[in-house]
């Protein structure tokens, strides 16, 4: 346990500016290129559904299970009051969760604890595996968790720092895209049971307002997170 804690709390030096910029460009390319996005979106789904579970837990709901599907959709199942602030917060958390996680990582990087970013991911994946209820979801979590663990345990210091910056940029940059995809689906008459539409039924605000709030939070997280990372290294 002592060695494990030493790894998590290890202080990492700031990387060269070109490493930071390169990881940001790679993350941007992965989000913008359709072929890579179709694969990488599974990671966003994991963060999305994990956010539902986390906020369900802290608002006092009982966690029941988690499913991740090959079409990059997913569902986090919890038990509790069907209305009220808790279910609103839990439902809202999904689309903004990846961006808020990326923003949290950006501030962790600012404290020179890049390795902690990787271990937060490893521990989160391990906890989600306790809740998974389908084979594809289990395989997805195992793959992502194994990659994170491999870099965290066997990677060099430089590789670990680069991976932490890449993950942070990816979550920040990827966050707004599912929101835009959501509204495109809603405009086409699909996604009638989306998070935004569930929130509309739970509150007096229409679905489009909730989509706007999703976008505001994700874009705001991207702006603040990028500033937090890039300004100190210039």
C-alpha atoms as a PDB file:
ATOM      1  CA  UNK A   1       0.000   0.000   0.000  1.00  0.00           C
ATOM      2  CA  UNK A   2       2.882   2.334   0.718  1.00  0.00           C
ATOM      3  CA  UNK A   3       4.295   1.835  -2.784  1.00  0.00           C
ATOM      4  CA  UNK A   4       0.823   2.263  -4.276  1.00  0.00           C
ATOM      5  CA  UNK A   5       0.285   5.565  -2.458  1.00  0.00           C
ATOM      6  CA  UNK A   6       3.750   6.767  -3.430  1.00  0.00           C
ATOM      7  CA  UNK A   7       2.868   6.160  -7.080  1.00  0.00           C
ATOM      8  CA  UNK A   8      -0.436   8.030  -6.871  1.00  0.00           C
ATOM      9  CA  UNK A   9       0.982  11.012  -4.980  1.00  0.00           C
ATOM     10  CA  UNK A  10       4.227  11.276  -6.955  1.00  0.00           C
ATOM     11  CA  UNK A  11       5.065  14.773  -8.149  1.00  0.00           C
ATOM     12  CA  UNK A  12       5.762  14.952 -11.874  1.00  0.00           C
ATOM     13  CA  UNK A  13       7.713  17.731 -13.595  1.00  0.00           C
ATOM     14  CA  UNK A  14       5.973  19.934 -16.102  1.00  0.00           C
ATOM     15  CA  UNK A  15       6.434  18.514 -19.623  1.00  0.00           C
ATOM     16  CA  UNK A  16       7.991  20.465 -22.489  1.00  0.00           C
ATOM     17  CA  UNK A  17       5.585  22.828 -24.223  1.00  0.00           C
ATOM     18  CA  UNK A  18       5.666  20.773 -27.419  1.00  0.00           C
ATOM     19  CA  UNK A  19       4.421  17.677 -25.568  1.00  0.00           C
ATOM     20  CA  UNK A  20       1.441  19.593 -24.194  1.00  0.00           C
ATOM     21  CA  UNK A  21       0.627  21.035 -27.610  1.00  0.00           C
ATOM     22  CA  UNK A  22       1.062  17.692 -29.377  1.00  0.00           C
ATOM     23  CA  UNK A  23      -1.270  15.863 -26.983  1.00  0.00           C
ATOM     24  CA  UNK A  24      -3.880  18.588 -27.515  1.00  0.00           C
ATOM     25  CA  UNK A  25      -3.607  18.292 -31.310  1.00  0.00           C
ATOM     26  CA  UNK A  26      -3.859  14.486 -31.205  1.00  0.00           C
ATOM     27  CA  UNK A  27      -6.933  14.696 -28.974  1.00  0.00           C
ATOM     28  CA  UNK A  28      -8.506  17.251 -31.323  1.00  0.00           C
ATOM     29  CA  UNK A  29      -7.832  15.069 -34.353  1.00  0.00           C
ATOM     30  CA  UNK A  30      -9.373  12.010 -32.679  1.00  0.00           C
ATOM     31  CA  UNK A  31     -12.536  13.969 -31.894  1.00  0.00           C
ATOM     32  CA  UNK A  32     -12.854  15.512 -35.356  1.00  0.00           C
ATOM     33  CA  UNK A  33     -12.063  12.479 -37.532  1.00  0.00           C
ATOM     34  CA  UNK A  34     -15.212  10.320 -37.872  1.00  0.00           C
ATOM     35  CA  UNK A  35     -13.339   6.991 -37.963  1.00  0.00           C
ATOM     36  CA  UNK A  36     -11.439   7.632 -34.736  1.00  0.00           C
ATOM     37  CA  UNK A  37     -14.389   9.323 -33.060  1.00  0.00           C
ATOM     38  CA  UNK A  38     -16.589   6.234 -33.468  1.00  0.00           C
ATOM     39  CA  UNK A  39     -14.094   4.289 -31.362  1.00  0.00           C
ATOM     40  CA  UNK A  40     -13.089   7.015 -28.923  1.00  0.00           C
ATOM     41  CA  UNK A  41     -16.710   7.910 -28.198  1.00  0.00           C
ATOM     42  CA  UNK A  42     -16.903   4.710 -26.135  1.00  0.00           C
ATOM     43  CA  UNK A  43     -14.572   6.364 -23.627  1.00  0.00           C
ATOM     44  CA  UNK A  44     -16.873   9.389 -23.460  1.00  0.00           C
ATOM     45  CA  UNK A  45     -19.807   7.045 -22.844  1.00  0.00           C
ATOM     46  CA  UNK A  46     -17.935   5.455 -19.942  1.00  0.00           C
ATOM     47  CA  UNK A  47     -17.352   8.897 -18.410  1.00  0.00           C
ATOM     48  CA  UNK A  48     -20.980   9.884 -19.149  1.00  0.00           C
ATOM     49  CA  UNK A  49     -22.505   6.851 -17.446  1.00  0.00           C
ATOM     50  CA  UNK A  50     -19.938   6.954 -14.649  1.00  0.00           C
ATOM     51  CA  UNK A  51     -21.040  10.526 -13.924  1.00  0.00           C
ATOM     52  CA  UNK A  52     -24.656   9.388 -13.667  1.00  0.00           C
ATOM     53  CA  UNK A  53     -23.606   6.718 -11.165  1.00  0.00           C
ATOM     54  CA  UNK A  54     -21.402   9.065  -9.132  1.00  0.00           C
ATOM     55  CA  UNK A  55     -24.045  11.753  -8.749  1.00  0.00           C
ATOM     56  CA  UNK A  56     -26.740   9.165  -8.093  1.00  0.00           C
ATOM     57  CA  UNK A  57     -24.593   7.884  -5.243  1.00  0.00           C
ATOM     58  CA  UNK A  58     -23.849  11.259  -3.665  1.00  0.00           C
ATOM     59  CA  UNK A  59     -27.525  12.290  -3.893  1.00  0.00           C
ATOM     60  CA  UNK A  60     -28.557   9.231  -1.924  1.00  0.00           C
ATOM     61  CA  UNK A  61     -29.870   6.968  -4.660  1.00  0.00           C
ATOM     62  CA  UNK A  62     -29.241   3.210  -4.691  1.00  0.00           C
ATOM     63  CA  UNK A  63     -27.009   2.040  -7.546  1.00  0.00           C
ATOM     64  CA  UNK A  64     -28.453  -0.927  -9.433  1.00  0.00           C
ATOM     65  CA  UNK A  65     -26.288  -1.456 -12.494  1.00  0.00           C
ATOM     66  CA  UNK A  66     -24.608  -0.185 -15.632  1.00  0.00           C
ATOM     67  CA  UNK A  67     -24.772  -1.170 -19.298  1.00  0.00           C
ATOM     68  CA  UNK A  68     -22.546  -0.008 -22.163  1.00  0.00           C
ATOM     69  CA  UNK A  69     -23.543  -0.820 -25.742  1.00  0.00           C
ATOM     70  CA  UNK A  70     -21.619  -1.186 -29.008  1.00  0.00           C
ATOM     71  CA  UNK A  71     -23.468   1.788 -30.544  1.00  0.00           C
ATOM     72  CA  UNK A  72     -21.785   3.963 -27.837  1.00  0.00           C
ATOM     73  CA  UNK A  73     -25.029   4.342 -25.909  1.00  0.00           C
ATOM     74  CA  UNK A  74     -25.326   3.305 -22.294  1.00  0.00           C
ATOM     75  CA  UNK A  75     -27.581   3.302 -19.270  1.00  0.00           C
ATOM     76  CA  UNK A  76     -26.861   3.785 -15.586  1.00  0.00           C
ATOM     77  CA  UNK A  77     -29.563   2.275 -13.393  1.00  0.00           C
ATOM     78  CA  UNK A  78     -30.338   3.596  -9.934  1.00  0.00           C
ATOM     79  CA  UNK A  79     -33.238   3.353  -7.520  1.00  0.00           C
ATOM     80  CA  UNK A  80     -34.798   6.195  -5.613  1.00  0.00           C
ATOM     81  CA  UNK A  81     -37.378   8.959  -5.779  1.00  0.00           C
ATOM     82  CA  UNK A  82     -38.593   9.454  -9.382  1.00  0.00           C
ATOM     83  CA  UNK A  83     -38.687  13.228  -8.933  1.00  0.00           C
ATOM     84  CA  UNK A  84     -36.824  15.866  -6.985  1.00  0.00           C
ATOM     85  CA  UNK A  85     -33.437  17.555  -6.974  1.00  0.00           C
ATOM     86  CA  UNK A  86     -31.467  14.321  -6.677  1.00  0.00           C
ATOM     87  CA  UNK A  87     -32.772  12.767  -9.883  1.00  0.00           C
ATOM     88  CA  UNK A  88     -32.418  16.109 -11.702  1.00  0.00           C
ATOM     89  CA  UNK A  89     -28.755  16.409 -10.678  1.00  0.00           C
ATOM     90  CA  UNK A  90     -28.090  12.773 -11.596  1.00  0.00           C
ATOM     91  CA  UNK A  91     -29.716  13.149 -15.017  1.00  0.00           C
ATOM     92  CA  UNK A  92     -27.965  16.440 -15.755  1.00  0.00           C
ATOM     93  CA  UNK A  93     -24.565  14.997 -14.843  1.00  0.00           C
ATOM     94  CA  UNK A  94     -24.252  12.661 -17.828  1.00  0.00           C
ATOM     95  CA  UNK A  95     -23.554  15.039 -20.689  1.00  0.00           C
ATOM     96  CA  UNK A  96     -21.469  17.431 -18.605  1.00  0.00           C
ATOM     97  CA  UNK A  97     -19.620  14.693 -16.699  1.00  0.00           C
ATOM     98  CA  UNK A  98     -16.764  14.061 -19.164  1.00  0.00           C
ATOM     99  CA  UNK A  99     -16.049  17.794 -19.402  1.00  0.00           C
ATOM    100  CA  UNK A 100     -16.152  18.304 -15.643  1.00  0.00           C
ATOM    101  CA  UNK A 101     -13.833  15.323 -15.209  1.00  0.00           C
ATOM    102  CA  UNK A 102     -11.466  16.846 -17.764  1.00  0.00           C
ATOM    103  CA  UNK A 103     -11.628  20.164 -15.915  1.00  0.00           C
ATOM    104  CA  UNK A 104     -10.808  18.410 -12.641  1.00  0.00           C
ATOM    105  CA  UNK A 105      -7.862  16.708 -14.314  1.00  0.00           C
ATOM    106  CA  UNK A 106      -6.655  20.065 -15.645  1.00  0.00           C
ATOM    107  CA  UNK A 107      -6.422  21.433 -12.102  1.00  0.00           C
ATOM    108  CA  UNK A 108      -4.729  18.240 -10.900  1.00  0.00           C
ATOM    109  CA  UNK A 109      -2.137  18.672 -13.665  1.00  0.00           C
ATOM    110  CA  UNK A 110      -1.605  22.201 -12.417  1.00  0.00           C
ATOM    111  CA  UNK A 111      -0.412  20.765  -9.100  1.00  0.00           C
ATOM    112  CA  UNK A 112       2.169  18.581 -10.904  1.00  0.00           C
ATOM    113  CA  UNK A 113       0.364  15.337 -10.067  1.00  0.00           C
ATOM    114  CA  UNK A 114      -0.060  13.961 -13.575  1.00  0.00           C
ATOM    115  CA  UNK A 115       0.207  10.343 -12.410  1.00  0.00           C
ATOM    116  CA  UNK A 116      -2.790  10.903 -10.115  1.00  0.00           C
ATOM    117  CA  UNK A 117      -4.881  11.576 -13.239  1.00  0.00           C
ATOM    118  CA  UNK A 118      -4.135   8.062 -14.489  1.00  0.00           C
ATOM    119  CA  UNK A 119      -4.849   6.419 -11.135  1.00  0.00           C
ATOM    120  CA  UNK A 120      -8.144   8.250 -10.729  1.00  0.00           C
ATOM    121  CA  UNK A 121      -9.109   6.680 -14.037  1.00  0.00           C
ATOM    122  CA  UNK A 122      -7.938   3.202 -13.000  1.00  0.00           C
ATOM    123  CA  UNK A 123      -9.820   3.299  -9.691  1.00  0.00           C
ATOM    124  CA  UNK A 124     -12.969   4.695 -11.330  1.00  0.00           C
ATOM    125  CA  UNK A 125     -12.960   1.941 -13.961  1.00  0.00           C
ATOM    126  CA  UNK A 126     -12.456  -0.720 -11.284  1.00  0.00           C
ATOM    127  CA  UNK A 127     -15.450   0.569  -9.314  1.00  0.00           C
ATOM    128  CA  UNK A 128     -17.617   0.705 -12.432  1.00  0.00           C
ATOM    129  CA  UNK A 129     -16.765  -2.920 -13.175  1.00  0.00           C
ATOM    130  CA  UNK A 130     -18.599  -3.846  -9.975  1.00  0.00           C
ATOM    131  CA  UNK A 131     -21.778  -2.408 -11.493  1.00  0.00           C
ATOM    132  CA  UNK A 132     -21.543  -3.598 -15.106  1.00  0.00           C
ATOM    133  CA  UNK A 133     -24.350  -5.852 -16.290  1.00  0.00           C
ATOM    134  CA  UNK A 134     -23.502  -6.779 -19.891  1.00  0.00           C
ATOM    135  CA  UNK A 135     -20.581  -8.407 -21.706  1.00  0.00           C
ATOM    136  CA  UNK A 136     -19.775  -5.592 -24.137  1.00  0.00           C
ATOM    137  CA  UNK A 137     -19.682  -3.136 -21.250  1.00  0.00           C
ATOM    138  CA  UNK A 138     -17.378  -5.417 -19.281  1.00  0.00           C
ATOM    139  CA  UNK A 139     -15.011  -5.796 -22.235  1.00  0.00           C
ATOM    140  CA  UNK A 140     -14.975  -2.017 -22.774  1.00  0.00           C
ATOM    141  CA  UNK A 141     -14.118  -1.337 -19.147  1.00  0.00           C
ATOM    142  CA  UNK A 142     -11.472  -4.054 -19.058  1.00  0.00           C
ATOM    143  CA  UNK A 143      -9.778  -2.687 -22.189  1.00  0.00           C
ATOM    144  CA  UNK A 144      -9.743   0.938 -21.051  1.00  0.00           C
ATOM    145  CA  UNK A 145      -8.780  -0.005 -17.503  1.00  0.00           C
ATOM    146  CA  UNK A 146      -5.970  -2.280 -18.689  1.00  0.00           C
ATOM    147  CA  UNK A 147      -4.505   0.475 -20.880  1.00  0.00           C
ATOM    148  CA  UNK A 148      -4.617   2.981 -18.029  1.00  0.00           C
ATOM    149  CA  UNK A 149      -3.103   0.512 -15.587  1.00  0.00           C
ATOM    150  CA  UNK A 150      -0.325  -0.470 -18.000  1.00  0.00           C
ATOM    151  CA  UNK A 151       0.762   3.133 -18.468  1.00  0.00           C
ATOM    152  CA  UNK A 152       0.352   3.886 -14.747  1.00  0.00           C
ATOM    153  CA  UNK A 153       2.406   0.899 -13.587  1.00  0.00           C
ATOM    154  CA  UNK A 154       4.960   0.242 -16.335  1.00  0.00           C
ATOM    155  CA  UNK A 155       5.179   3.490 -18.273  1.00  0.00           C
ATOM    156  CA  UNK A 156       8.128   5.827 -17.910  1.00  0.00           C
ATOM    157  CA  UNK A 157       7.599   9.136 -16.160  1.00  0.00           C
ATOM    158  CA  UNK A 158       7.523  10.963 -19.493  1.00  0.00           C
ATOM    159  CA  UNK A 159       4.969   8.525 -20.933  1.00  0.00           C
ATOM    160  CA  UNK A 160       2.746   8.846 -17.883  1.00  0.00           C
ATOM    161  CA  UNK A 161       2.784  12.638 -18.018  1.00  0.00           C
ATOM    162  CA  UNK A 162       2.046  12.658 -21.761  1.00  0.00           C
ATOM    163  CA  UNK A 163      -0.822  10.187 -21.278  1.00  0.00           C
ATOM    164  CA  UNK A 164      -2.305  12.306 -18.481  1.00  0.00           C
ATOM    165  CA  UNK A 165      -2.251  15.437 -20.634  1.00  0.00           C
ATOM    166  CA  UNK A 166      -3.744  13.544 -23.587  1.00  0.00           C
ATOM    167  CA  UNK A 167      -6.605  12.129 -21.480  1.00  0.00           C
ATOM    168  CA  UNK A 168      -7.337  15.568 -20.042  1.00  0.00           C
ATOM    169  CA  UNK A 169      -7.397  17.273 -23.422  1.00  0.00           C
ATOM    170  CA  UNK A 170      -9.474  14.477 -24.926  1.00  0.00           C
ATOM    171  CA  UNK A 171     -12.195  14.769 -22.270  1.00  0.00           C
ATOM    172  CA  UNK A 172     -12.268  18.567 -22.547  1.00  0.00           C
ATOM    173  CA  UNK A 173     -12.361  18.639 -26.339  1.00  0.00           C
ATOM    174  CA  UNK A 174     -14.737  15.688 -26.713  1.00  0.00           C
ATOM    175  CA  UNK A 175     -17.279  16.995 -24.197  1.00  0.00           C
ATOM    176  CA  UNK A 176     -19.268  19.332 -26.477  1.00  0.00           C
ATOM    177  CA  UNK A 177     -19.562  16.936 -29.434  1.00  0.00           C
ATOM    178  CA  UNK A 178     -22.111  14.485 -27.900  1.00  0.00           C
ATOM    179  CA  UNK A 179     -24.239  17.503 -26.943  1.00  0.00           C
ATOM    180  CA  UNK A 180     -24.300  18.654 -30.573  1.00  0.00           C
ATOM    181  CA  UNK A 181     -25.067  15.101 -31.685  1.00  0.00           C
ATOM    182  CA  UNK A 182     -27.882  14.947 -29.139  1.00  0.00           C
ATOM    183  CA  UNK A 183     -29.565  18.059 -30.515  1.00  0.00           C
ATOM    184  CA  UNK A 184     -29.166  16.779 -34.069  1.00  0.00           C
ATOM    185  CA  UNK A 185     -30.963  13.587 -33.068  1.00  0.00           C
ATOM    186  CA  UNK A 186     -33.677  15.528 -31.260  1.00  0.00           C
ATOM    187  CA  UNK A 187     -34.198  17.757 -34.294  1.00  0.00           C
ATOM    188  CA  UNK A 188     -34.668  14.648 -36.412  1.00  0.00           C
ATOM    189  CA  UNK A 189     -37.363  13.331 -34.101  1.00  0.00           C
ATOM    190  CA  UNK A 190     -35.085  10.782 -32.460  1.00  0.00           C
ATOM    191  CA  UNK A 191     -33.814  10.568 -28.879  1.00  0.00           C
ATOM    192  CA  UNK A 192     -37.261  11.277 -27.422  1.00  0.00           C
ATOM    193  CA  UNK A 193     -36.120   9.809 -24.102  1.00  0.00           C
ATOM    194  CA  UNK A 194     -32.776  11.633 -23.976  1.00  0.00           C
ATOM    195  CA  UNK A 195     -31.398  13.154 -20.801  1.00  0.00           C
ATOM    196  CA  UNK A 196     -32.574  16.586 -21.970  1.00  0.00           C
ATOM    197  CA  UNK A 197     -36.125  15.336 -22.531  1.00  0.00           C
ATOM    198  CA  UNK A 198     -36.155  13.527 -19.195  1.00  0.00           C
ATOM    199  CA  UNK A 199     -35.080  16.773 -17.541  1.00  0.00           C
ATOM    200  CA  UNK A 200     -37.854  18.605 -19.394  1.00  0.00           C
ATOM    201  CA  UNK A 201     -40.389  16.195 -17.903  1.00  0.00           C
ATOM    202  CA  UNK A 202     -38.868  16.631 -14.436  1.00  0.00           C
ATOM    203  CA  UNK A 203     -38.860  20.440 -14.565  1.00  0.00           C
ATOM    204  CA  UNK A 204     -40.607  23.395 -16.175  1.00  0.00           C
ATOM    205  CA  UNK A 205     -37.756  23.966 -18.646  1.00  0.00           C
ATOM    206  CA  UNK A 206     -38.021  22.598 -22.207  1.00  0.00           C
ATOM    207  CA  UNK A 207     -35.462  20.129 -23.543  1.00  0.00           C
ATOM    208  CA  UNK A 208     -33.708  22.677 -25.764  1.00  0.00           C
ATOM    209  CA  UNK A 209     -32.863  24.760 -22.680  1.00  0.00           C
ATOM    210  CA  UNK A 210     -31.226  21.759 -21.057  1.00  0.00           C
ATOM    211  CA  UNK A 211     -29.250  21.096 -24.249  1.00  0.00           C
ATOM    212  CA  UNK A 212     -28.103  24.714 -24.101  1.00  0.00           C
ATOM    213  CA  UNK A 213     -27.019  24.266 -20.488  1.00  0.00           C
ATOM    214  CA  UNK A 214     -25.127  21.079 -21.419  1.00  0.00           C
ATOM    215  CA  UNK A 215     -23.323  23.028 -24.142  1.00  0.00           C
ATOM    216  CA  UNK A 216     -22.584  25.973 -21.873  1.00  0.00           C
ATOM    217  CA  UNK A 217     -20.983  23.750 -19.228  1.00  0.00           C
ATOM    218  CA  UNK A 218     -18.970  21.682 -21.712  1.00  0.00           C
ATOM    219  CA  UNK A 219     -17.667  24.697 -23.632  1.00  0.00           C
ATOM    220  CA  UNK A 220     -16.963  26.559 -20.400  1.00  0.00           C
ATOM    221  CA  UNK A 221     -15.032  23.565 -19.050  1.00  0.00           C
ATOM    222  CA  UNK A 222     -13.027  23.400 -22.273  1.00  0.00           C
ATOM    223  CA  UNK A 223     -12.141  27.096 -22.084  1.00  0.00           C
ATOM    224  CA  UNK A 224     -11.198  27.081 -18.397  1.00  0.00           C
ATOM    225  CA  UNK A 225      -9.387  23.735 -18.597  1.00  0.00           C
ATOM    226  CA  UNK A 226      -7.354  24.737 -21.642  1.00  0.00           C
ATOM    227  CA  UNK A 227      -6.441  28.033 -20.003  1.00  0.00           C
ATOM    228  CA  UNK A 228      -5.429  26.239 -16.802  1.00  0.00           C
ATOM    229  CA  UNK A 229      -3.118  23.910 -18.709  1.00  0.00           C
ATOM    230  CA  UNK A 230      -1.723  26.099 -21.467  1.00  0.00           C
ATOM    231  CA  UNK A 231      -1.110  29.420 -19.737  1.00  0.00           C
ATOM    232  CA  UNK A 232       1.518  28.140 -17.244  1.00  0.00           C
ATOM    233  CA  UNK A 233       3.576  26.457 -19.975  1.00  0.00           C
ATOM    234  CA  UNK A 234       3.877  29.380 -22.335  1.00  0.00           C
END
